Every structure is written in C-alpha cells, then in structure tokens.
C-alpha atoms as a PDB file:
ATOM      1  CA  MET A   1      17.904  27.585 -31.082  1.00  0.00           C
ATOM      2  CA  HIS A   2      16.513  29.780 -28.357  1.00  0.00           C
ATOM      3  CA  GLY A   3      12.730  29.573 -28.145  1.00  0.00           C
ATOM      4  CA  LYS A   4      12.282  26.802 -30.715  1.00  0.00           C
ATOM      5  CA  ARG A   5      10.871  23.450 -29.625  1.00  0.00           C
ATOM      6  CA  LEU A   6      13.029  20.697 -31.051  1.00  0.00           C
ATOM      7  CA  TRP A   7      11.092  17.692 -29.803  1.00  0.00           C
ATOM      8  CA  ALA A   8       8.016  16.966 -27.694  1.00  0.00           C
ATOM      9  CA  TRP A   9       6.732  13.791 -26.087  1.00  0.00           C
ATOM     10  CA  ARG A  10       3.888  13.410 -23.570  1.00  0.00           C
ATOM     11  CA  SER A  11       4.043  10.462 -21.201  1.00  0.00           C
ATOM     12  CA  GLN A  12       0.238  10.357 -20.969  1.00  0.00           C
ATOM     13  CA  ASP A  13       0.077   9.615 -24.703  1.00  0.00           C
ATOM     14  CA  HIS A  14       2.417   6.618 -24.545  1.00  0.00           C
ATOM     15  CA  LEU A  15       2.336   5.012 -21.092  1.00  0.00           C
ATOM     16  CA  GLU A  16      -0.563   2.976 -19.758  1.00  0.00           C
ATOM     17  CA  ILE A  17      -0.440   3.582 -16.032  1.00  0.00           C
ATOM     18  CA  SER A  18      -3.262   3.772 -13.522  1.00  0.00           C
ATOM     19  CA  MET A  19      -3.346   5.119  -9.984  1.00  0.00           C
ATOM     20  CA  ARG A  20      -3.215   1.486  -8.792  1.00  0.00           C
ATOM     21  CA  ASP A  21       0.346   1.388 -10.151  1.00  0.00           C
ATOM     22  CA  ILE A  22       1.425   4.188  -7.814  1.00  0.00           C
ATOM     23  CA  GLN A  23       2.665   2.647  -4.571  1.00  0.00           C
ATOM     24  CA  CYS A  24       3.475   5.833  -2.660  1.00  0.00           C
ATOM     25  CA  ARG A  25       0.560   8.223  -2.690  1.00  0.00           C
ATOM     26  CA  ASP A  26       1.406  11.411  -0.905  1.00  0.00           C
ATOM     27  CA  GLN A  27       0.580  15.058  -1.461  1.00  0.00           C
ATOM     28  CA  ALA A  28       2.967  15.170  -4.410  1.00  0.00           C
ATOM     29  CA  VAL A  29       1.038  12.463  -6.266  1.00  0.00           C
ATOM     30  CA  GLN A  30      -2.669  13.152  -6.135  1.00  0.00           C
ATOM     31  CA  LYS A  31      -3.280  12.990  -9.882  1.00  0.00           C
ATOM     32  CA  LEU A  32      -2.128  10.569 -12.549  1.00  0.00           C
ATOM     33  CA  ASP A  33      -0.385  13.268 -14.582  1.00  0.00           C
ATOM     34  CA  LEU A  34       1.830  13.986 -11.565  1.00  0.00           C
ATOM     35  CA  ALA A  35       2.510  10.284 -11.173  1.00  0.00           C
ATOM     36  CA  LEU A  36       3.942  10.222 -14.686  1.00  0.00           C
ATOM     37  CA  HIS A  37       6.089  13.271 -14.044  1.00  0.00           C
ATOM     38  CA  GLY A  38       9.560  12.597 -15.362  1.00  0.00           C
ATOM     39  CA  ASN A  39      12.516  13.665 -13.289  1.00  0.00           C
ATOM     40  CA  ALA A  40      15.211  12.811 -15.841  1.00  0.00           C
ATOM     41  CA  VAL A  41      15.574  12.783 -19.610  1.00  0.00           C
ATOM     42  CA  ASP A  42      18.691  11.767 -21.522  1.00  0.00           C
ATOM     43  CA  TRP A  43      19.201  11.777 -25.291  1.00  0.00           C
ATOM     44  CA  ASP A  44      21.703   9.398 -26.863  1.00  0.00           C
ATOM     45  CA  ALA A  45      22.471  11.076 -30.196  1.00  0.00           C
ATOM     46  CA  ALA A  46      24.305   8.020 -31.568  1.00  0.00           C
ATOM     47  CA  SER A  47      21.226   5.780 -31.288  1.00  0.00           C
ATOM     48  CA  ASN A  48      18.649   8.603 -31.471  1.00  0.00           C
ATOM     49  CA  MET A  49      17.081   7.219 -28.305  1.00  0.00           C
ATOM     50  CA  VAL A  50      15.606   9.251 -25.475  1.00  0.00           C
ATOM     51  CA  TYR A  51      15.634   7.782 -21.972  1.00  0.00           C
ATOM     52  CA  TYR A  52      12.831   9.010 -19.725  1.00  0.00           C
ATOM     53  CA  ASN A  53      12.602   8.291 -16.012  1.00  0.00           C
ATOM     54  CA  ALA A  54       9.246   8.253 -14.203  1.00  0.00           C
ATOM     55  CA  ARG A  55      10.246   8.390 -10.537  1.00  0.00           C
ATOM     56  CA  ASN A  56       6.883   7.573  -8.973  1.00  0.00           C
ATOM     57  CA  VAL A  57       6.545   4.279 -10.837  1.00  0.00           C
ATOM     58  CA  ASP A  58      10.223   3.324 -10.380  1.00  0.00           C
ATOM     59  CA  THR A  59      10.700   2.797 -14.125  1.00  0.00           C
ATOM     60  CA  PHE A  60      12.745   4.271 -16.943  1.00  0.00           C
ATOM     61  CA  TYR A  61      11.790   4.055 -20.598  1.00  0.00           C
ATOM     62  CA  ALA A  62      13.692   3.851 -23.893  1.00  0.00           C
ATOM     63  CA  ILE A  63      11.932   5.977 -26.504  1.00  0.00           C
ATOM     64  CA  ASP A  64      12.630   6.048 -30.228  1.00  0.00           C
ATOM     65  CA  LYS A  65      13.068   9.789 -30.801  1.00  0.00           C
ATOM     66  CA  GLY A  66      11.924   9.519 -34.423  1.00  0.00           C
ATOM     67  CA  THR A  67       8.603   7.788 -33.741  1.00  0.00           C
ATOM     68  CA  GLY A  68       8.016   8.571 -30.058  1.00  0.00           C
ATOM     69  CA  ARG A  69       7.349   4.886 -29.450  1.00  0.00           C
ATOM     70  CA  VAL A  70       8.471   3.250 -26.205  1.00  0.00           C
ATOM     71  CA  LEU A  71      10.721   0.361 -27.221  1.00  0.00           C
ATOM     72  CA  TRP A  72      11.463  -1.077 -23.785  1.00  0.00           C
ATOM     73  CA  SER A  73      11.483  -0.145 -20.128  1.00  0.00           C
ATOM     74  CA  VAL A  74      13.281  -1.207 -16.958  1.00  0.00           C
ATOM     75  CA  GLY A  75      11.794  -1.047 -13.488  1.00  0.00           C
ATOM     76  CA  ARG A  76       8.787  -2.003 -11.443  1.00  0.00           C
ATOM     77  CA  LEU A  77       6.382  -1.495 -14.400  1.00  0.00           C
ATOM     78  CA  GLY A  78       8.941  -2.238 -17.097  1.00  0.00           C
ATOM     79  CA  THR A  79       9.041  -4.723 -19.928  1.00  0.00           C
ATOM     80  CA  MET A  80      12.136  -5.860 -18.018  1.00  0.00           C
ATOM     81  CA  PRO A  81      10.651  -5.789 -14.516  1.00  0.00           C
ATOM     82  CA  THR A  82      12.852  -5.303 -11.492  1.00  0.00           C
ATOM     83  CA  LYS A  83      12.504  -3.966  -7.990  1.00  0.00           C
ATOM     84  CA  ALA A  84      16.200  -3.087  -7.928  1.00  0.00           C
ATOM     85  CA  PHE A  85      15.677   0.639  -7.430  1.00  0.00           C
ATOM     86  CA  GLY A  86      13.186   2.922  -5.712  1.00  0.00           C
ATOM     87  CA  HIS A  87      12.273   6.417  -6.934  1.00  0.00           C
ATOM     88  CA  PRO A  88      15.374   6.747  -9.122  1.00  0.00           C
ATOM     89  CA  HIS A  89      16.497   9.826 -11.003  1.00  0.00           C
ATOM     90  CA  ASN A  90      19.253  11.102 -13.271  1.00  0.00           C
ATOM     91  CA  VAL A  91      19.136   8.206 -15.746  1.00  0.00           C
ATOM     92  CA  HIS A  92      22.013   8.527 -18.198  1.00  0.00           C
ATOM     93  CA  SER A  93      23.054   6.272 -21.069  1.00  0.00           C
ATOM     94  CA  LEU A  94      26.659   5.074 -20.957  1.00  0.00           C
ATOM     95  CA  GLY A  95      26.271   3.495 -24.388  1.00  0.00           C
ATOM     96  CA  GLY A  96      25.015   0.099 -25.441  1.00  0.00           C
ATOM     97  CA  THR A  97      23.047  -1.528 -22.648  1.00  0.00           C
ATOM     98  CA  ARG A  98      24.780   0.303 -19.791  1.00  0.00           C
ATOM     99  CA  PHE A  99      23.081   3.030 -17.780  1.00  0.00           C
ATOM    100  CA  LEU A 100      23.851   5.127 -14.777  1.00  0.00           C
ATOM    101  CA  LEU A 101      21.082   6.280 -12.457  1.00  0.00           C
ATOM    102  CA  PHE A 102      20.787   7.512  -8.915  1.00  0.00           C
ATOM    103  CA  ASP A 103      18.746   5.190  -6.725  1.00  0.00           C
ATOM    104  CA  ASN A 104      16.979   6.957  -3.869  1.00  0.00           C
ATOM    105  CA  GLU A 105      16.291   3.503  -2.368  1.00  0.00           C
ATOM    106  CA  HIS A 106      12.826   4.728  -1.461  1.00  0.00           C
ATOM    107  CA  ARG A 107      10.420   1.916  -0.648  1.00  0.00           C
ATOM    108  CA  CYS A 108       6.886   2.100   0.644  1.00  0.00           C
ATOM    109  CA  SER A 109       3.957  -0.221   0.989  1.00  0.00           C
ATOM    110  CA  VAL A 110       0.947  -0.076  -1.277  1.00  0.00           C
ATOM    111  CA  SER A 111      -1.517   2.507  -0.025  1.00  0.00           C
ATOM    112  CA  THR A 112      -5.089   3.175  -1.047  1.00  0.00           C
END
C-alpha cells in the first residue's frame, strides 16, 4: 500500500478547542493547530476505533474510524474529565476499556 492514503482525519474539523484551553504556552504552542498536534495514534482493528492523543490539552480521544466522529474522550478536556496525567503520549488500546499511555507528569499553571 505504499503511497496510498488509507484514512485521514483532521483534529481541527472535530475538536472544539480554543487557546484558553492550552495551559502551557511555550514556543512549541503559538498557534491552535500546533496545540491540537497529536503525538500518538492507535487503531484497534477489532472495534474499528482510532485513539488519538493531543498532548498539549492532556486528552485522548476515541474516534469511530468509519464516521470520523469522536465518541468519547479522557483527560483534562474530555467527556470523562480527569487531571490524572500531564502531556501524555503513546496511547495504546489494550482492549475493552483498558489503555496504556505514558504520562510525562508535566504540570504547569495557566499562562496568558
């Protein structure tokens, strides 16, 4: 399948996030499109779900691969809100409702 796009999904088309939602504003996050930059994507073929992690908003999203719709999310801006992790990456489905991710434990205060 070299050179053929199999699936595409743009976070800007599906996630409602503003710069106010970004707690850590440094040189790496000067624009909203960078804030939504995903640092991990995992596809669970059995459920046809894609899991997308947006590091700068401390949230990962469950996406229906067929429709592109976000079904739920876990994290600071999630439908299941938590402050349990900071700037995570490498989200990976273990099946069912179990996930593995690396927590950078990065915390910062809100900056303007």
